Amino acid sequence: MAIDGQVYRDFAPWSGLEGWCVQLTGPVSGALTTDAAGTYRFSGLPAGTYTVCEVLQATWRETFPGDGAACPGGFGYTITFSAEPAYIGSSVSFIDFANVTP
């Protein structure tokens, strides 16, 4: 099972933000750094409930998501994968974070 998304600027040109940390907590915990397009992907996850948060960089403010799991500096996502065979190999996409500078 996998979780993927993008960290991006919430203003023109709405490009991805490279080098941002995205954290995963749950049955498996870890952190990834976004690539040149601002994307990330956690894969090989077992069933269970996960929280995904971004780590805000200095002078930035999160604008999306507007609600959800409480994370330092903003909100994140809670995702649950079932252990049922029909859900094995599934993924959740568009777990995105938008940010602006003051």
N, C-alpha and C. Protein backbone atom coordinates (compact mmCIF):
# COMPACT_ATOMS: atom_id res chain seq x y z
N MET A 1 0.85 -1.16 0.00
CA MET A 1 0.00 0.00 0.00
C MET A 1 0.90 1.23 0.00
N ALA A 2 0.38 2.33 -0.54
CA ALA A 2 1.22 3.52 -0.72
C ALA A 2 0.43 4.79 -0.49
N ILE A 3 1.16 5.85 -0.13
CA ILE A 3 0.61 7.19 0.03
C ILE A 3 1.53 8.13 -0.75
N ASP A 4 0.94 8.97 -1.61
CA ASP A 4 1.77 9.93 -2.34
C ASP A 4 1.06 11.26 -2.48
N GLY A 5 1.86 12.28 -2.76
CA GLY A 5 1.30 13.62 -2.91
C GLY A 5 2.38 14.61 -3.31
N GLN A 6 2.03 15.89 -3.14
CA GLN A 6 2.94 16.96 -3.53
C GLN A 6 2.88 18.09 -2.51
N VAL A 7 4.01 18.74 -2.33
CA VAL A 7 4.11 19.97 -1.55
C VAL A 7 4.38 21.06 -2.57
N TYR A 8 3.53 22.12 -2.59
CA TYR A 8 3.65 23.13 -3.65
C TYR A 8 3.36 24.54 -3.14
N ARG A 9 3.76 25.52 -3.97
CA ARG A 9 3.48 26.94 -3.71
C ARG A 9 2.01 27.21 -4.01
N ASP A 10 1.34 27.90 -3.11
CA ASP A 10 -0.07 28.24 -3.32
C ASP A 10 -0.18 29.65 -3.90
N PHE A 11 0.64 29.92 -4.91
CA PHE A 11 0.63 31.18 -5.65
C PHE A 11 1.37 30.94 -6.95
N ALA A 12 1.12 31.79 -7.94
CA ALA A 12 1.74 31.61 -9.26
C ALA A 12 3.25 31.56 -9.10
N PRO A 13 3.91 30.61 -9.69
CA PRO A 13 3.49 29.67 -10.73
C PRO A 13 3.01 28.32 -10.19
N TRP A 14 2.62 28.19 -8.91
CA TRP A 14 2.08 26.96 -8.31
C TRP A 14 2.99 25.76 -8.56
N SER A 15 4.27 25.96 -8.41
CA SER A 15 5.23 24.88 -8.65
C SER A 15 5.50 24.09 -7.37
N GLY A 16 6.02 22.88 -7.55
CA GLY A 16 6.37 22.04 -6.43
C GLY A 16 7.53 22.61 -5.63
N LEU A 17 7.57 22.28 -4.36
CA LEU A 17 8.63 22.76 -3.47
C LEU A 17 9.59 21.61 -3.18
N GLU A 18 10.79 21.71 -3.69
CA GLU A 18 11.81 20.69 -3.52
C GLU A 18 12.46 20.78 -2.14
N GLY A 19 12.81 19.64 -1.56
CA GLY A 19 13.56 19.61 -0.32
C GLY A 19 12.74 19.78 0.94
N TRP A 20 11.42 19.63 0.84
CA TRP A 20 10.57 19.74 2.02
C TRP A 20 10.41 18.35 2.64
N CYS A 21 10.33 18.30 3.95
CA CYS A 21 10.19 17.05 4.68
C CYS A 21 8.70 16.73 4.88
N VAL A 22 8.33 15.49 4.57
CA VAL A 22 6.97 14.99 4.83
C VAL A 22 7.13 13.81 5.77
N GLN A 23 6.36 13.83 6.87
CA GLN A 23 6.49 12.81 7.90
C GLN A 23 5.28 11.87 7.91
N LEU A 24 5.54 10.61 8.17
CA LEU A 24 4.52 9.58 8.26
C LEU A 24 4.61 8.94 9.64
N THR A 25 3.48 8.83 10.35
CA THR A 25 3.44 8.11 11.61
C THR A 25 2.32 7.08 11.54
N GLY A 26 2.52 5.96 12.18
CA GLY A 26 1.55 4.87 12.16
C GLY A 26 2.26 3.56 12.42
N PRO A 27 1.73 2.44 11.90
CA PRO A 27 2.41 1.16 12.06
C PRO A 27 3.84 1.20 11.53
N VAL A 28 4.06 2.01 10.51
CA VAL A 28 5.39 2.30 9.99
C VAL A 28 5.54 3.82 10.05
N SER A 29 6.65 4.29 10.58
CA SER A 29 6.88 5.74 10.64
C SER A 29 8.15 6.07 9.88
N GLY A 30 8.20 7.29 9.34
CA GLY A 30 9.39 7.71 8.62
C GLY A 30 9.21 9.10 8.07
N ALA A 31 10.20 9.55 7.34
CA ALA A 31 10.17 10.88 6.73
C ALA A 31 10.84 10.80 5.37
N LEU A 32 10.32 11.59 4.44
CA LEU A 32 10.89 11.70 3.10
C LEU A 32 11.10 13.16 2.77
N THR A 33 11.99 13.42 1.85
CA THR A 33 12.21 14.77 1.33
C THR A 33 11.62 14.84 -0.07
N THR A 34 10.90 15.90 -0.38
CA THR A 34 10.28 16.03 -1.70
C THR A 34 11.34 16.16 -2.79
N ASP A 35 10.98 15.67 -3.98
CA ASP A 35 11.90 15.74 -5.12
C ASP A 35 11.79 17.09 -5.83
N ALA A 36 12.41 17.23 -6.98
CA ALA A 36 12.44 18.51 -7.71
C ALA A 36 11.04 19.00 -8.08
N ALA A 37 10.07 18.10 -8.21
CA ALA A 37 8.70 18.49 -8.54
C ALA A 37 7.84 18.67 -7.29
N GLY A 38 8.45 18.50 -6.11
CA GLY A 38 7.71 18.64 -4.86
C GLY A 38 6.94 17.39 -4.48
N THR A 39 7.18 16.26 -5.16
CA THR A 39 6.41 15.06 -4.89
C THR A 39 7.13 14.13 -3.91
N TYR A 40 6.33 13.26 -3.29
CA TYR A 40 6.85 12.26 -2.36
C TYR A 40 5.98 11.02 -2.48
N ARG A 41 6.50 9.87 -2.02
CA ARG A 41 5.74 8.61 -2.03
C ARG A 41 6.26 7.68 -0.94
N PHE A 42 5.35 7.29 -0.04
CA PHE A 42 5.63 6.25 0.94
C PHE A 42 5.03 4.97 0.38
N SER A 43 5.81 3.91 0.23
CA SER A 43 5.29 2.67 -0.35
C SER A 43 5.65 1.49 0.54
N GLY A 44 5.03 0.34 0.24
CA GLY A 44 5.28 -0.86 1.01
C GLY A 44 4.70 -0.81 2.41
N LEU A 45 3.60 -0.06 2.57
CA LEU A 45 3.01 0.13 3.90
C LEU A 45 2.07 -1.03 4.25
N PRO A 46 2.14 -1.52 5.48
CA PRO A 46 1.17 -2.52 5.92
C PRO A 46 -0.16 -1.85 6.31
N ALA A 47 -1.18 -2.67 6.51
CA ALA A 47 -2.48 -2.16 6.93
C ALA A 47 -2.34 -1.40 8.25
N GLY A 48 -3.23 -0.42 8.43
CA GLY A 48 -3.23 0.36 9.66
C GLY A 48 -3.61 1.79 9.38
N THR A 49 -3.59 2.61 10.42
CA THR A 49 -3.94 4.02 10.33
C THR A 49 -2.68 4.86 10.40
N TYR A 50 -2.56 5.80 9.47
CA TYR A 50 -1.38 6.64 9.33
C TYR A 50 -1.76 8.11 9.39
N THR A 51 -0.83 8.93 9.85
CA THR A 51 -0.95 10.38 9.79
C THR A 51 0.20 10.90 8.94
N VAL A 52 -0.12 11.81 8.01
CA VAL A 52 0.87 12.42 7.13
C VAL A 52 0.90 13.91 7.42
N CYS A 53 2.09 14.44 7.71
CA CYS A 53 2.28 15.87 8.01
C CYS A 53 3.48 16.40 7.23
N GLU A 54 3.44 17.67 6.90
CA GLU A 54 4.63 18.31 6.34
C GLU A 54 5.34 19.06 7.46
N VAL A 55 6.63 19.29 7.27
CA VAL A 55 7.40 20.11 8.19
C VAL A 55 7.56 21.47 7.53
N LEU A 56 6.93 22.48 8.12
CA LEU A 56 7.00 23.82 7.53
C LEU A 56 8.41 24.38 7.59
N GLN A 57 8.81 25.06 6.55
CA GLN A 57 10.10 25.73 6.54
C GLN A 57 9.91 27.17 6.99
N ALA A 58 10.99 27.77 7.48
CA ALA A 58 10.95 29.14 8.00
C ALA A 58 10.34 30.08 6.97
N THR A 59 9.52 30.98 7.42
CA THR A 59 8.82 32.04 6.68
C THR A 59 7.68 31.52 5.81
N TRP A 60 7.34 30.24 5.87
CA TRP A 60 6.22 29.69 5.10
C TRP A 60 5.03 29.44 6.01
N ARG A 61 3.83 29.47 5.41
CA ARG A 61 2.58 29.18 6.13
C ARG A 61 1.75 28.22 5.29
N GLU A 62 1.22 27.19 5.94
CA GLU A 62 0.39 26.20 5.24
C GLU A 62 -0.99 26.78 4.93
N THR A 63 -1.47 26.60 3.70
CA THR A 63 -2.81 27.04 3.32
C THR A 63 -3.73 25.88 2.97
N PHE A 64 -3.17 24.69 2.75
CA PHE A 64 -3.97 23.51 2.44
C PHE A 64 -3.23 22.29 2.94
N PRO A 65 -3.90 21.38 3.63
CA PRO A 65 -5.34 21.29 3.85
C PRO A 65 -5.81 22.29 4.91
N GLY A 66 -7.08 22.61 4.86
CA GLY A 66 -7.66 23.58 5.78
C GLY A 66 -8.12 22.98 7.09
N ASP A 67 -8.18 21.65 7.15
CA ASP A 67 -8.51 20.95 8.37
C ASP A 67 -8.00 19.52 8.25
N GLY A 68 -8.12 18.79 9.33
CA GLY A 68 -7.63 17.40 9.32
C GLY A 68 -6.85 17.11 10.56
N ALA A 69 -5.97 16.13 10.46
CA ALA A 69 -5.15 15.74 11.61
C ALA A 69 -4.28 16.91 12.05
N ALA A 70 -4.14 17.07 13.36
CA ALA A 70 -3.30 18.15 13.90
C ALA A 70 -1.83 17.82 13.66
N CYS A 71 -1.13 18.78 13.07
CA CYS A 71 0.30 18.65 12.81
C CYS A 71 0.99 19.92 13.29
N PRO A 72 2.26 19.85 13.64
CA PRO A 72 2.97 21.08 14.00
C PRO A 72 2.92 22.06 12.82
N GLY A 73 2.41 23.24 13.04
CA GLY A 73 2.38 24.24 11.99
C GLY A 73 1.19 24.17 11.05
N GLY A 74 0.25 23.25 11.27
CA GLY A 74 -0.89 23.18 10.36
C GLY A 74 -1.66 21.89 10.52
N PHE A 75 -2.22 21.43 9.40
CA PHE A 75 -3.03 20.22 9.39
C PHE A 75 -2.39 19.18 8.49
N GLY A 76 -2.80 17.95 8.68
CA GLY A 76 -2.34 16.85 7.85
C GLY A 76 -3.48 15.93 7.51
N TYR A 77 -3.16 14.70 7.26
CA TYR A 77 -4.15 13.72 6.81
C TYR A 77 -4.07 12.48 7.67
N THR A 78 -5.23 11.84 7.88
CA THR A 78 -5.30 10.54 8.51
C THR A 78 -5.82 9.57 7.46
N ILE A 79 -5.09 8.49 7.25
CA ILE A 79 -5.43 7.51 6.22
C ILE A 79 -5.41 6.13 6.85
N THR A 80 -6.45 5.34 6.58
CA THR A 80 -6.52 3.98 7.10
C THR A 80 -6.56 3.00 5.94
N PHE A 81 -5.65 2.04 5.99
CA PHE A 81 -5.63 0.95 5.02
C PHE A 81 -6.18 -0.30 5.70
N SER A 82 -7.10 -0.97 5.04
CA SER A 82 -7.68 -2.20 5.56
C SER A 82 -6.76 -3.39 5.26
N ALA A 83 -6.83 -4.40 6.11
CA ALA A 83 -6.05 -5.62 5.89
C ALA A 83 -6.78 -6.60 4.99
N GLU A 84 -8.01 -6.26 4.56
CA GLU A 84 -8.77 -7.17 3.70
C GLU A 84 -8.05 -7.35 2.37
N PRO A 85 -8.05 -8.58 1.83
CA PRO A 85 -7.33 -8.85 0.58
C PRO A 85 -7.68 -7.91 -0.57
N ALA A 86 -8.91 -7.45 -0.64
CA ALA A 86 -9.32 -6.56 -1.74
C ALA A 86 -8.58 -5.22 -1.70
N TYR A 87 -8.04 -4.85 -0.56
CA TYR A 87 -7.38 -3.56 -0.42
C TYR A 87 -5.85 -3.64 -0.47
N ILE A 88 -5.32 -4.86 -0.44
CA ILE A 88 -3.86 -5.03 -0.49
C ILE A 88 -3.36 -4.49 -1.83
N GLY A 89 -2.32 -3.69 -1.78
CA GLY A 89 -1.78 -3.10 -3.00
C GLY A 89 -2.43 -1.77 -3.38
N SER A 90 -3.39 -1.31 -2.57
CA SER A 90 -4.05 -0.05 -2.89
C SER A 90 -3.15 1.13 -2.54
N SER A 91 -3.52 2.29 -3.07
CA SER A 91 -2.76 3.49 -2.75
C SER A 91 -3.71 4.67 -2.62
N VAL A 92 -3.24 5.69 -1.92
CA VAL A 92 -3.97 6.93 -1.76
C VAL A 92 -3.09 8.03 -2.33
N SER A 93 -3.64 8.80 -3.28
CA SER A 93 -2.89 9.85 -3.95
C SER A 93 -3.47 11.22 -3.64
N PHE A 94 -2.77 12.24 -4.07
CA PHE A 94 -3.18 13.64 -3.91
C PHE A 94 -3.25 14.05 -2.44
N ILE A 95 -2.33 13.51 -1.65
CA ILE A 95 -2.20 13.92 -0.25
C ILE A 95 -1.24 15.11 -0.29
N ASP A 96 -1.81 16.26 -0.66
CA ASP A 96 -1.04 17.45 -1.01
C ASP A 96 -1.02 18.49 0.11
N PHE A 97 0.02 19.31 0.09
CA PHE A 97 0.19 20.43 1.00
C PHE A 97 0.51 21.67 0.21
N ALA A 98 -0.25 22.76 0.44
CA ALA A 98 0.00 24.04 -0.25
C ALA A 98 0.51 25.05 0.78
N ASN A 99 1.43 25.91 0.34
CA ASN A 99 2.09 26.85 1.24
C ASN A 99 2.30 28.20 0.59
N VAL A 100 2.35 29.24 1.43
CA VAL A 100 2.65 30.60 0.97
C VAL A 100 3.70 31.21 1.88
N THR A 101 4.35 32.24 1.38
CA THR A 101 5.25 33.02 2.22
C THR A 101 4.56 34.35 2.53
N PRO A 102 4.88 34.94 3.69
CA PRO A 102 4.19 36.19 4.05
C PRO A 102 4.49 37.32 3.09
